[in-house]
Amino acid sequence: MRREIDIYDPIEDKLPKKTQLNPKVKKLIVFLLCGAIGVGVAIGILFVADLAITGASTPAEAIKEYETAAFLYDIDGMIEYSSEYNKVVLYGNQFTSDRLLEDYLEKAYVGKTPKYELDEIEFKLVSALEYEKGSRKYEEALRKYNEKIENGSASIDSVAIVKMKVRTGDTELNKDYLAVNIGGRWFYAYAGVDL
């Protein structure tokens, strides 16, 4: 004969009782978690896309970022914000690529220390005038560009003449630059625009 013994466990009486979540609350929590994950993924994609895309979102940013990189001998920054025209000027001829230019600049800057620190470089935008493809100012601005780059203006949607107040160390001066818009992104073309 089998006997059943009721074993009383006093610890179980002290454990909190499990409660069931309301189905509506469960759905809300799942919805919020999915939304948070979706937002996180979207931010990650935007971050990676921004890293992969070269150029700047404004002409003034392209000038500032390129010039800062040049002052600091930041080769990656120089290449990222350079137009094809500037890459050819930096390399010395048209037969270049980003990789060749990077190797060339690394050799050129080996053992050199930048003259300025980041906190000694300051840019203030004075003005930025944008000209669309087909306008007279657009054509005039790209004359010098087209002399170096065959069919250079074919991929350029617009140009901007950017006037900046540049301070490096104790020196401050006004400079004019040309920035070019290619595929919705802005790139440094050259300084000393003469229009």
C-alpha atoms as a PDB file:
ATOM      1  CA  MET A   1       0.000   0.000   0.000  1.00  0.00           C
ATOM      2  CA  ARG A   2       1.213   3.361  -0.958  1.00  0.00           C
ATOM      3  CA  ARG A   3       1.093   6.260   1.390  1.00  0.00           C
ATOM      4  CA  GLU A   4       0.995   9.862   0.399  1.00  0.00           C
ATOM      5  CA  ILE A   5       2.872  12.224   2.601  1.00  0.00           C
ATOM      6  CA  ASP A   6       2.127  15.903   2.535  1.00  0.00           C
ATOM      7  CA  ILE A   7       5.411  17.717   2.892  1.00  0.00           C
ATOM      8  CA  TYR A   8       5.027  21.260   4.002  1.00  0.00           C
ATOM      9  CA  ASP A   9       7.746  23.641   2.768  1.00  0.00           C
ATOM     10  CA  PRO A  10       7.668  26.893   4.768  1.00  0.00           C
ATOM     11  CA  ILE A  11      10.008  28.607   2.257  1.00  0.00           C
ATOM     12  CA  GLU A  12       7.409  28.316  -0.492  1.00  0.00           C
ATOM     13  CA  ASP A  13       4.932  30.321   1.569  1.00  0.00           C
ATOM     14  CA  LYS A  14       7.409  33.194   1.715  1.00  0.00           C
ATOM     15  CA  LEU A  15       8.135  33.301  -2.018  1.00  0.00           C
ATOM     16  CA  PRO A  16       6.236  35.966  -3.940  1.00  0.00           C
ATOM     17  CA  LYS A  17       3.365  34.648  -5.962  1.00  0.00           C
ATOM     18  CA  LYS A  18       3.730  34.848  -9.735  1.00  0.00           C
ATOM     19  CA  THR A  19       1.349  37.263 -11.317  1.00  0.00           C
ATOM     20  CA  GLN A  20       0.167  37.165 -14.861  1.00  0.00           C
ATOM     21  CA  LEU A  21       0.517  40.275 -16.984  1.00  0.00           C
ATOM     22  CA  ASN A  22      -2.548  41.655 -18.570  1.00  0.00           C
ATOM     23  CA  PRO A  23      -2.501  40.684 -22.315  1.00  0.00           C
ATOM     24  CA  LYS A  24      -2.812  44.369 -23.253  1.00  0.00           C
ATOM     25  CA  VAL A  25       0.257  45.238 -21.144  1.00  0.00           C
ATOM     26  CA  LYS A  26       2.180  42.349 -22.757  1.00  0.00           C
ATOM     27  CA  LYS A  27       1.336  43.683 -26.216  1.00  0.00           C
ATOM     28  CA  LEU A  28       2.397  47.193 -25.215  1.00  0.00           C
ATOM     29  CA  ILE A  29       5.742  45.955 -23.862  1.00  0.00           C
ATOM     30  CA  VAL A  30       6.398  43.921 -27.026  1.00  0.00           C
ATOM     31  CA  PHE A  31       5.455  46.929 -29.177  1.00  0.00           C
ATOM     32  CA  LEU A  32       7.772  49.250 -27.223  1.00  0.00           C
ATOM     33  CA  LEU A  33      10.658  46.781 -27.373  1.00  0.00           C
ATOM     34  CA  CYS A  34      10.235  46.317 -31.128  1.00  0.00           C
ATOM     35  CA  GLY A  35      10.092  50.084 -31.576  1.00  0.00           C
ATOM     36  CA  ALA A  36      13.255  50.601 -29.529  1.00  0.00           C
ATOM     37  CA  ILE A  37      15.089  47.915 -31.486  1.00  0.00           C
ATOM     38  CA  GLY A  38      13.874  49.443 -34.780  1.00  0.00           C
ATOM     39  CA  VAL A  39      15.059  52.911 -33.787  1.00  0.00           C
ATOM     40  CA  GLY A  40      18.430  51.484 -32.698  1.00  0.00           C
ATOM     41  CA  VAL A  41      18.869  49.684 -36.013  1.00  0.00           C
ATOM     42  CA  ALA A  42      17.917  52.839 -37.964  1.00  0.00           C
ATOM     43  CA  ILE A  43      20.414  54.945 -36.017  1.00  0.00           C
ATOM     44  CA  GLY A  44      23.101  52.313 -36.622  1.00  0.00           C
ATOM     45  CA  ILE A  45      22.390  52.295 -40.358  1.00  0.00           C
ATOM     46  CA  LEU A  46      22.541  56.094 -40.515  1.00  0.00           C
ATOM     47  CA  PHE A  47      25.820  56.107 -38.587  1.00  0.00           C
ATOM     48  CA  VAL A  48      27.404  53.521 -40.903  1.00  0.00           C
ATOM     49  CA  ALA A  49      26.058  55.293 -43.995  1.00  0.00           C
ATOM     50  CA  ASP A  50      27.507  58.601 -42.793  1.00  0.00           C
ATOM     51  CA  LEU A  51      30.895  56.961 -42.327  1.00  0.00           C
ATOM     52  CA  ALA A  52      30.751  55.490 -45.834  1.00  0.00           C
ATOM     53  CA  ILE A  53      29.673  58.721 -47.553  1.00  0.00           C
ATOM     54  CA  THR A  54      32.361  61.270 -48.299  1.00  0.00           C
ATOM     55  CA  GLY A  55      31.896  64.999 -48.559  1.00  0.00           C
ATOM     56  CA  ALA A  56      29.903  67.384 -46.407  1.00  0.00           C
ATOM     57  CA  SER A  57      26.278  68.435 -46.160  1.00  0.00           C
ATOM     58  CA  THR A  58      27.046  72.154 -46.722  1.00  0.00           C
ATOM     59  CA  PRO A  59      29.695  74.038 -48.722  1.00  0.00           C
ATOM     60  CA  ALA A  60      30.988  75.804 -45.583  1.00  0.00           C
ATOM     61  CA  GLU A  61      31.385  72.456 -43.790  1.00  0.00           C
ATOM     62  CA  ALA A  62      33.349  71.014 -46.739  1.00  0.00           C
ATOM     63  CA  ILE A  63      35.751  73.972 -46.685  1.00  0.00           C
ATOM     64  CA  LYS A  64      36.158  73.958 -42.911  1.00  0.00           C
ATOM     65  CA  GLU A  65      36.694  70.196 -42.683  1.00  0.00           C
ATOM     66  CA  TYR A  66      39.161  70.080 -45.581  1.00  0.00           C
ATOM     67  CA  GLU A  67      41.196  73.064 -44.412  1.00  0.00           C
ATOM     68  CA  THR A  68      41.288  71.791 -40.816  1.00  0.00           C
ATOM     69  CA  ALA A  69      42.496  68.402 -42.067  1.00  0.00           C
ATOM     70  CA  ALA A  70      45.177  70.113 -44.187  1.00  0.00           C
ATOM     71  CA  PHE A  71      46.414  72.215 -41.246  1.00  0.00           C
ATOM     72  CA  LEU A  72      46.618  69.093 -39.061  1.00  0.00           C
ATOM     73  CA  TYR A  73      48.097  66.789 -41.769  1.00  0.00           C
ATOM     74  CA  ASP A  74      45.030  64.562 -41.460  1.00  0.00           C
ATOM     75  CA  ILE A  75      45.308  62.647 -44.727  1.00  0.00           C
ATOM     76  CA  ASP A  76      41.966  60.803 -44.427  1.00  0.00           C
ATOM     77  CA  GLY A  77      40.141  64.086 -43.812  1.00  0.00           C
ATOM     78  CA  MET A  78      41.852  65.748 -46.769  1.00  0.00           C
ATOM     79  CA  ILE A  79      40.846  62.931 -49.100  1.00  0.00           C
ATOM     80  CA  GLU A  80      37.293  62.720 -47.733  1.00  0.00           C
ATOM     81  CA  TYR A  81      36.508  66.382 -48.455  1.00  0.00           C
ATOM     82  CA  SER A  82      38.556  66.838 -51.658  1.00  0.00           C
ATOM     83  CA  SER A  83      36.995  67.227 -55.075  1.00  0.00           C
ATOM     84  CA  GLU A  84      38.593  65.438 -58.037  1.00  0.00           C
ATOM     85  CA  TYR A  85      40.252  68.744 -58.932  1.00  0.00           C
ATOM     86  CA  ASN A  86      41.940  69.027 -55.556  1.00  0.00           C
ATOM     87  CA  LYS A  87      43.015  65.379 -55.590  1.00  0.00           C
ATOM     88  CA  VAL A  88      44.754  65.940 -58.929  1.00  0.00           C
ATOM     89  CA  VAL A  89      46.433  69.089 -57.579  1.00  0.00           C
ATOM     90  CA  LEU A  90      47.595  67.242 -54.435  1.00  0.00           C
ATOM     91  CA  TYR A  91      48.907  64.259 -56.397  1.00  0.00           C
ATOM     92  CA  GLY A  92      50.435  66.222 -59.249  1.00  0.00           C
ATOM     93  CA  ASN A  93      48.696  64.495 -62.160  1.00  0.00           C
ATOM     94  CA  GLN A  94      45.375  63.008 -63.245  1.00  0.00           C
ATOM     95  CA  PHE A  95      46.410  59.389 -62.825  1.00  0.00           C
ATOM     96  CA  THR A  96      45.504  59.020 -59.189  1.00  0.00           C
ATOM     97  CA  SER A  97      43.107  57.207 -56.913  1.00  0.00           C
ATOM     98  CA  ASP A  98      42.289  57.691 -53.245  1.00  0.00           C
ATOM     99  CA  ARG A  99      44.697  54.874 -52.354  1.00  0.00           C
ATOM    100  CA  LEU A 100      47.574  56.309 -54.451  1.00  0.00           C
ATOM    101  CA  LEU A 101      46.927  59.788 -53.055  1.00  0.00           C
ATOM    102  CA  GLU A 102      46.881  58.450 -49.500  1.00  0.00           C
ATOM    103  CA  ASP A 103      50.246  56.688 -50.021  1.00  0.00           C
ATOM    104  CA  TYR A 104      51.697  59.807 -51.628  1.00  0.00           C
ATOM    105  CA  LEU A 105      50.566  62.105 -48.801  1.00  0.00           C
ATOM    106  CA  GLU A 106      51.742  59.683 -46.106  1.00  0.00           C
ATOM    107  CA  LYS A 107      55.224  59.784 -47.640  1.00  0.00           C
ATOM    108  CA  ALA A 108      55.078  63.577 -47.964  1.00  0.00           C
ATOM    109  CA  TYR A 109      54.129  64.085 -44.299  1.00  0.00           C
ATOM    110  CA  VAL A 110      56.405  61.436 -42.781  1.00  0.00           C
ATOM    111  CA  GLY A 111      58.242  62.915 -39.806  1.00  0.00           C
ATOM    112  CA  LYS A 112      56.492  66.289 -40.105  1.00  0.00           C
ATOM    113  CA  THR A 113      54.616  67.822 -37.213  1.00  0.00           C
ATOM    114  CA  PRO A 114      51.642  70.094 -37.887  1.00  0.00           C
ATOM    115  CA  LYS A 115      52.308  73.770 -37.223  1.00  0.00           C
ATOM    116  CA  TYR A 116      48.979  74.243 -35.423  1.00  0.00           C
ATOM    117  CA  GLU A 117      46.895  72.462 -32.818  1.00  0.00           C
ATOM    118  CA  LEU A 118      43.148  71.978 -33.358  1.00  0.00           C
ATOM    119  CA  ASP A 119      42.256  74.699 -30.837  1.00  0.00           C
ATOM    120  CA  GLU A 120      44.427  77.202 -32.765  1.00  0.00           C
ATOM    121  CA  ILE A 121      42.313  76.820 -35.933  1.00  0.00           C
ATOM    122  CA  GLU A 122      39.027  78.684 -36.277  1.00  0.00           C
ATOM    123  CA  PHE A 123      36.708  79.341 -39.214  1.00  0.00           C
ATOM    124  CA  LYS A 124      33.871  81.856 -39.374  1.00  0.00           C
ATOM    125  CA  LEU A 125      31.535  81.856 -42.325  1.00  0.00           C
ATOM    126  CA  VAL A 126      31.225  85.273 -43.921  1.00  0.00           C
ATOM    127  CA  SER A 127      29.063  84.270 -46.897  1.00  0.00           C
ATOM    128  CA  ALA A 128      28.230  81.365 -49.184  1.00  0.00           C
ATOM    129  CA  LEU A 129      26.726  81.984 -52.607  1.00  0.00           C
ATOM    130  CA  GLU A 130      25.474  78.944 -54.493  1.00  0.00           C
ATOM    131  CA  TYR A 131      25.140  78.805 -58.292  1.00  0.00           C
ATOM    132  CA  GLU A 132      23.198  76.157 -60.177  1.00  0.00           C
ATOM    133  CA  LYS A 133      24.341  74.351 -63.305  1.00  0.00           C
ATOM    134  CA  GLY A 134      23.773  76.451 -66.397  1.00  0.00           C
ATOM    135  CA  SER A 135      24.205  79.859 -64.779  1.00  0.00           C
ATOM    136  CA  ARG A 136      26.975  82.239 -65.909  1.00  0.00           C
ATOM    137  CA  LYS A 137      28.602  82.260 -62.437  1.00  0.00           C
ATOM    138  CA  TYR A 138      28.583  78.453 -62.410  1.00  0.00           C
ATOM    139  CA  GLU A 139      30.479  78.358 -65.714  1.00  0.00           C
ATOM    140  CA  GLU A 140      32.951  81.049 -64.625  1.00  0.00           C
ATOM    141  CA  ALA A 141      33.616  79.348 -61.302  1.00  0.00           C
ATOM    142  CA  LEU A 142      34.398  76.032 -62.999  1.00  0.00           C
ATOM    143  CA  ARG A 143      36.701  77.397 -65.705  1.00  0.00           C
ATOM    144  CA  LYS A 144      39.829  76.647 -63.650  1.00  0.00           C
ATOM    145  CA  TYR A 145      38.349  73.288 -62.553  1.00  0.00           C
ATOM    146  CA  ASN A 146      37.711  72.194 -66.158  1.00  0.00           C
ATOM    147  CA  GLU A 147      41.278  73.082 -67.184  1.00  0.00           C
ATOM    148  CA  LYS A 148      42.563  70.344 -64.853  1.00  0.00           C
ATOM    149  CA  ILE A 149      39.744  67.799 -64.998  1.00  0.00           C
ATOM    150  CA  GLU A 150      38.439  66.740 -68.392  1.00  0.00           C
ATOM    151  CA  ASN A 151      34.621  66.925 -68.306  1.00  0.00           C
ATOM    152  CA  GLY A 152      34.988  67.878 -64.651  1.00  0.00           C
ATOM    153  CA  SER A 153      31.764  69.824 -64.513  1.00  0.00           C
ATOM    154  CA  ALA A 154      29.699  66.954 -65.951  1.00  0.00           C
ATOM    155  CA  SER A 155      29.073  65.476 -62.504  1.00  0.00           C
ATOM    156  CA  ILE A 156      28.872  68.802 -60.638  1.00  0.00           C
ATOM    157  CA  ASP A 157      25.309  69.851 -59.780  1.00  0.00           C
ATOM    158  CA  SER A 158      26.140  73.271 -58.349  1.00  0.00           C
ATOM    159  CA  VAL A 159      29.024  75.347 -57.011  1.00  0.00           C
ATOM    160  CA  ALA A 160      29.363  77.666 -54.053  1.00  0.00           C
ATOM    161  CA  ILE A 161      31.724  80.537 -53.459  1.00  0.00           C
ATOM    162  CA  VAL A 162      32.420  80.514 -49.751  1.00  0.00           C
ATOM    163  CA  LYS A 163      34.020  83.439 -47.938  1.00  0.00           C
ATOM    164  CA  MET A 164      35.556  82.510 -44.597  1.00  0.00           C
ATOM    165  CA  LYS A 165      37.425  84.329 -41.881  1.00  0.00           C
ATOM    166  CA  VAL A 166      40.283  81.973 -41.015  1.00  0.00           C
ATOM    167  CA  ARG A 167      42.289  82.210 -37.817  1.00  0.00           C
ATOM    168  CA  THR A 168      45.416  80.096 -37.397  1.00  0.00           C
ATOM    169  CA  GLY A 169      47.461  80.841 -34.331  1.00  0.00           C
ATOM    170  CA  ASP A 170      47.809  84.642 -34.192  1.00  0.00           C
ATOM    171  CA  THR A 171      47.048  85.178 -37.885  1.00  0.00           C
ATOM    172  CA  GLU A 172      43.574  86.034 -39.163  1.00  0.00           C
ATOM    173  CA  LEU A 173      42.590  86.594 -42.790  1.00  0.00           C
ATOM    174  CA  ASN A 174      39.636  86.415 -45.149  1.00  0.00           C
ATOM    175  CA  LYS A 175      39.745  83.753 -47.858  1.00  0.00           C
ATOM    176  CA  ASP A 176      37.506  82.850 -50.777  1.00  0.00           C
ATOM    177  CA  TYR A 177      36.963  79.195 -51.654  1.00  0.00           C
ATOM    178  CA  LEU A 178      35.139  77.189 -54.281  1.00  0.00           C
ATOM    179  CA  ALA A 179      33.100  74.172 -53.149  1.00  0.00           C
ATOM    180  CA  VAL A 180      31.407  71.818 -55.598  1.00  0.00           C
ATOM    181  CA  ASN A 181      28.240  69.774 -55.115  1.00  0.00           C
ATOM    182  CA  ILE A 182      28.406  66.241 -56.519  1.00  0.00           C
ATOM    183  CA  GLY A 183      25.537  63.860 -55.844  1.00  0.00           C
ATOM    184  CA  GLY A 184      24.143  66.030 -53.051  1.00  0.00           C
ATOM    185  CA  ARG A 185      27.445  66.235 -51.118  1.00  0.00           C
ATOM    186  CA  TRP A 186      29.879  69.149 -50.997  1.00  0.00           C
ATOM    187  CA  PHE A 187      33.623  69.013 -51.633  1.00  0.00           C
ATOM    188  CA  TYR A 188      36.539  71.439 -51.424  1.00  0.00           C
ATOM    189  CA  ALA A 189      37.728  72.479 -54.887  1.00  0.00           C
ATOM    190  CA  TYR A 190      40.256  75.255 -54.287  1.00  0.00           C
ATOM    191  CA  ALA A 191      41.035  78.487 -52.492  1.00  0.00           C
ATOM    192  CA  GLY A 192      41.483  81.863 -54.119  1.00  0.00           C
ATOM    193  CA  VAL A 193      38.348  82.072 -56.229  1.00  0.00           C
ATOM    194  CA  ASP A 194      38.681  85.015 -58.598  1.00  0.00           C
ATOM    195  CA  LEU A 195      35.319  86.015 -60.089  1.00  0.00           C
END
